[in-house]
Amino acid sequence: MERAVLLYTTWPSIVEAETAGKAIVERRLAACVNILPGMISHYWWRGKIERAEEAVMMIKTRASLARQVAEAVKALHSYEVPAVMVLPVEDTDPGYHRWIVEETVQ
């Protein structure tokens, strides 16, 4: 069975994250997205350290859809360079894994 992956990304607001997450799930690019509000980020941007309040999104999908999901995130995102990282999943409960595969496009 195909490998599951998590995509990690951050958003400038819970509203933008929810709008994008719903669109990604509706397109069946992911079985589920989890949105965690209230993160504070400190990062380098254009030669200086910035601070931002953001929301984290974790996207659960199959490995073969990771590139499509990443492209959807970039298209839906307001950031010039959004964080999009694909994280391999070492192990998953078989039933949960089957659900991820069944709920995403093939």
C-alpha atoms as a PDB file:
ATOM      1  CA  MET A   1       0.000   0.000   0.000  1.00  0.00           C
ATOM      2  CA  GLU A   2       1.181   3.513  -0.732  1.00  0.00           C
ATOM      3  CA  ARG A   3       3.120   5.470   1.883  1.00  0.00           C
ATOM      4  CA  ALA A   4       1.408   8.184   3.920  1.00  0.00           C
ATOM      5  CA  VAL A   5       3.064  11.583   4.426  1.00  0.00           C
ATOM      6  CA  LEU A   6       2.441  14.734   6.440  1.00  0.00           C
ATOM      7  CA  LEU A   7       2.872  18.171   4.950  1.00  0.00           C
ATOM      8  CA  TYR A   8       3.734  20.895   7.428  1.00  0.00           C
ATOM      9  CA  THR A   9       2.904  24.495   6.613  1.00  0.00           C
ATOM     10  CA  THR A  10       2.153  27.731   8.441  1.00  0.00           C
ATOM     11  CA  TRP A  11      -0.437  30.407   7.731  1.00  0.00           C
ATOM     12  CA  PRO A  12      -0.767  34.074   8.725  1.00  0.00           C
ATOM     13  CA  SER A  13      -4.268  33.573  10.152  1.00  0.00           C
ATOM     14  CA  ILE A  14      -6.678  30.875  11.223  1.00  0.00           C
ATOM     15  CA  VAL A  15      -9.193  32.161   8.652  1.00  0.00           C
ATOM     16  CA  GLU A  16      -6.747  31.756   5.746  1.00  0.00           C
ATOM     17  CA  ALA A  17      -5.664  28.341   7.051  1.00  0.00           C
ATOM     18  CA  GLU A  18      -9.256  27.106   7.328  1.00  0.00           C
ATOM     19  CA  THR A  19     -10.177  28.350   3.870  1.00  0.00           C
ATOM     20  CA  ALA A  20      -7.144  26.644   2.315  1.00  0.00           C
ATOM     21  CA  GLY A  21      -7.504  23.479   4.380  1.00  0.00           C
ATOM     22  CA  LYS A  22     -11.131  23.046   3.405  1.00  0.00           C
ATOM     23  CA  ALA A  23     -10.261  23.532  -0.289  1.00  0.00           C
ATOM     24  CA  ILE A  24      -7.468  20.930  -0.086  1.00  0.00           C
ATOM     25  CA  VAL A  25      -9.771  18.372   1.560  1.00  0.00           C
ATOM     26  CA  GLU A  26     -12.647  19.148  -0.850  1.00  0.00           C
ATOM     27  CA  ARG A  27     -10.303  18.435  -3.782  1.00  0.00           C
ATOM     28  CA  ARG A  28      -9.510  15.090  -2.088  1.00  0.00           C
ATOM     29  CA  LEU A  29      -5.823  15.956  -2.078  1.00  0.00           C
ATOM     30  CA  ALA A  30      -5.799  15.133   1.635  1.00  0.00           C
ATOM     31  CA  ALA A  31      -7.882  12.965   3.920  1.00  0.00           C
ATOM     32  CA  CYS A  32      -7.560  15.488   6.745  1.00  0.00           C
ATOM     33  CA  VAL A  33      -5.925  18.758   7.738  1.00  0.00           C
ATOM     34  CA  ASN A  34      -5.230  19.747  11.339  1.00  0.00           C
ATOM     35  CA  ILE A  35      -4.993  23.460  12.090  1.00  0.00           C
ATOM     36  CA  LEU A  36      -3.302  24.630  15.266  1.00  0.00           C
ATOM     37  CA  PRO A  37      -3.765  28.348  16.007  1.00  0.00           C
ATOM     38  CA  GLY A  38      -1.640  30.465  18.264  1.00  0.00           C
ATOM     39  CA  MET A  39       1.920  29.786  17.126  1.00  0.00           C
ATOM     40  CA  ILE A  40       4.538  32.523  17.372  1.00  0.00           C
ATOM     41  CA  SER A  41       7.373  32.455  14.838  1.00  0.00           C
ATOM     42  CA  HIS A  42      10.687  34.285  14.801  1.00  0.00           C
ATOM     43  CA  TYR A  43      12.517  34.020  11.473  1.00  0.00           C
ATOM     44  CA  TRP A  44      14.938  35.686   9.093  1.00  0.00           C
ATOM     45  CA  TRP A  45      13.317  37.536   6.188  1.00  0.00           C
ATOM     46  CA  ARG A  46      15.128  39.903   3.855  1.00  0.00           C
ATOM     47  CA  GLY A  47      18.066  40.476   6.161  1.00  0.00           C
ATOM     48  CA  LYS A  48      16.258  40.987   9.451  1.00  0.00           C
ATOM     49  CA  ILE A  49      14.552  38.974  12.132  1.00  0.00           C
ATOM     50  CA  GLU A  50      10.751  39.052  11.951  1.00  0.00           C
ATOM     51  CA  ARG A  51       8.069  37.953  14.419  1.00  0.00           C
ATOM     52  CA  ALA A  52       4.661  36.664  13.375  1.00  0.00           C
ATOM     53  CA  GLU A  53       1.620  35.051  14.921  1.00  0.00           C
ATOM     54  CA  GLU A  54       0.656  32.116  12.727  1.00  0.00           C
ATOM     55  CA  ALA A  55      -1.402  28.948  12.530  1.00  0.00           C
ATOM     56  CA  VAL A  56       0.210  25.584  11.827  1.00  0.00           C
ATOM     57  CA  MET A  57      -1.409  23.198   9.369  1.00  0.00           C
ATOM     58  CA  MET A  58      -0.584  19.506   9.153  1.00  0.00           C
ATOM     59  CA  ILE A  59      -1.915  17.835   6.032  1.00  0.00           C
ATOM     60  CA  LYS A  60      -2.406  14.046   5.921  1.00  0.00           C
ATOM     61  CA  THR A  61      -2.154  12.529   2.478  1.00  0.00           C
ATOM     62  CA  ARG A  62      -0.503   9.872   0.342  1.00  0.00           C
ATOM     63  CA  ALA A  63       3.063  10.265  -0.915  1.00  0.00           C
ATOM     64  CA  SER A  64       2.053  10.397  -4.580  1.00  0.00           C
ATOM     65  CA  LEU A  65      -0.073  13.506  -3.892  1.00  0.00           C
ATOM     66  CA  ALA A  66       2.576  15.445  -1.937  1.00  0.00           C
ATOM     67  CA  ARG A  67       3.678  17.570  -4.905  1.00  0.00           C
ATOM     68  CA  GLN A  68       0.053  18.417  -5.842  1.00  0.00           C
ATOM     69  CA  VAL A  69      -0.709  19.354  -2.241  1.00  0.00           C
ATOM     70  CA  ALA A  70       2.396  21.547  -2.076  1.00  0.00           C
ATOM     71  CA  GLU A  71       1.333  23.324  -5.274  1.00  0.00           C
ATOM     72  CA  ALA A  72      -2.181  23.833  -3.893  1.00  0.00           C
ATOM     73  CA  VAL A  73      -0.749  25.320  -0.686  1.00  0.00           C
ATOM     74  CA  LYS A  74       1.398  27.744  -2.692  1.00  0.00           C
ATOM     75  CA  ALA A  75      -1.559  28.744  -4.907  1.00  0.00           C
ATOM     76  CA  LEU A  76      -3.854  29.363  -1.911  1.00  0.00           C
ATOM     77  CA  HIS A  77      -1.263  31.079   0.285  1.00  0.00           C
ATOM     78  CA  SER A  78      -0.737  34.809   0.774  1.00  0.00           C
ATOM     79  CA  TYR A  79       2.949  34.475   1.688  1.00  0.00           C
ATOM     80  CA  GLU A  80       5.539  35.069  -1.016  1.00  0.00           C
ATOM     81  CA  VAL A  81       7.450  31.980   0.171  1.00  0.00           C
ATOM     82  CA  PRO A  82       5.215  29.737   2.300  1.00  0.00           C
ATOM     83  CA  ALA A  83       6.684  27.001   4.463  1.00  0.00           C
ATOM     84  CA  VAL A  84       5.884  23.673   2.818  1.00  0.00           C
ATOM     85  CA  MET A  85       7.693  20.626   4.159  1.00  0.00           C
ATOM     86  CA  VAL A  86       6.884  16.992   3.351  1.00  0.00           C
ATOM     87  CA  LEU A  87       7.523  14.705   6.314  1.00  0.00           C
ATOM     88  CA  PRO A  88       7.691  10.931   5.856  1.00  0.00           C
ATOM     89  CA  VAL A  89       5.572   8.825   8.168  1.00  0.00           C
ATOM     90  CA  GLU A  90       7.484   5.902   9.572  1.00  0.00           C
ATOM     91  CA  ASP A  91       4.496   3.887  10.739  1.00  0.00           C
ATOM     92  CA  THR A  92       0.711   4.246  10.874  1.00  0.00           C
ATOM     93  CA  ASP A  93      -2.116   2.190  12.278  1.00  0.00           C
ATOM     94  CA  PRO A  94      -3.263   0.002   9.333  1.00  0.00           C
ATOM     95  CA  GLY A  95      -6.891   1.129   9.548  1.00  0.00           C
ATOM     96  CA  TYR A  96      -5.950   4.800   9.706  1.00  0.00           C
ATOM     97  CA  HIS A  97      -3.547   4.373   6.805  1.00  0.00           C
ATOM     98  CA  ARG A  98      -6.237   2.682   4.727  1.00  0.00           C
ATOM     99  CA  TRP A  99      -8.588   5.608   5.501  1.00  0.00           C
ATOM    100  CA  ILE A 100      -6.002   8.156   4.266  1.00  0.00           C
ATOM    101  CA  VAL A 101      -5.573   6.236   1.015  1.00  0.00           C
ATOM    102  CA  GLU A 102      -9.313   5.665   0.483  1.00  0.00           C
ATOM    103  CA  GLU A 103     -10.226   9.325   1.069  1.00  0.00           C
ATOM    104  CA  THR A 104      -7.722  10.816  -1.380  1.00  0.00           C
ATOM    105  CA  VAL A 105      -7.708  10.850  -5.172  1.00  0.00           C
ATOM    106  CA  GLN A 106      -5.839   8.100  -6.953  1.00  0.00           C
END
